[in-house]
């Protein structure tokens, strides 16, 4: 599975410019746990005001409805 595409990172970067500091939450399935490092690296390279990145697995109960390749990123302005 690929890390977030540049377009997604650019969209996130445009959103976070409005906040002095931000916190990210990165979520993916345990089957794709290797994505956490790549997602965190891509976000932190592009977003200088990130103060924290929280990692969270996605529940199998949720994946029943979405499929096994779900990846998500949430942004909280601080």
Foldseek 3Di string as FASTA:
>chain_A
DDADDPVVLVVVQVVQVVAQAKEKEKEAAPVVVVNVVVNVVSNCVRHVRYPYYHYDYDDPVVCVVVPRGDIDMDMDGD
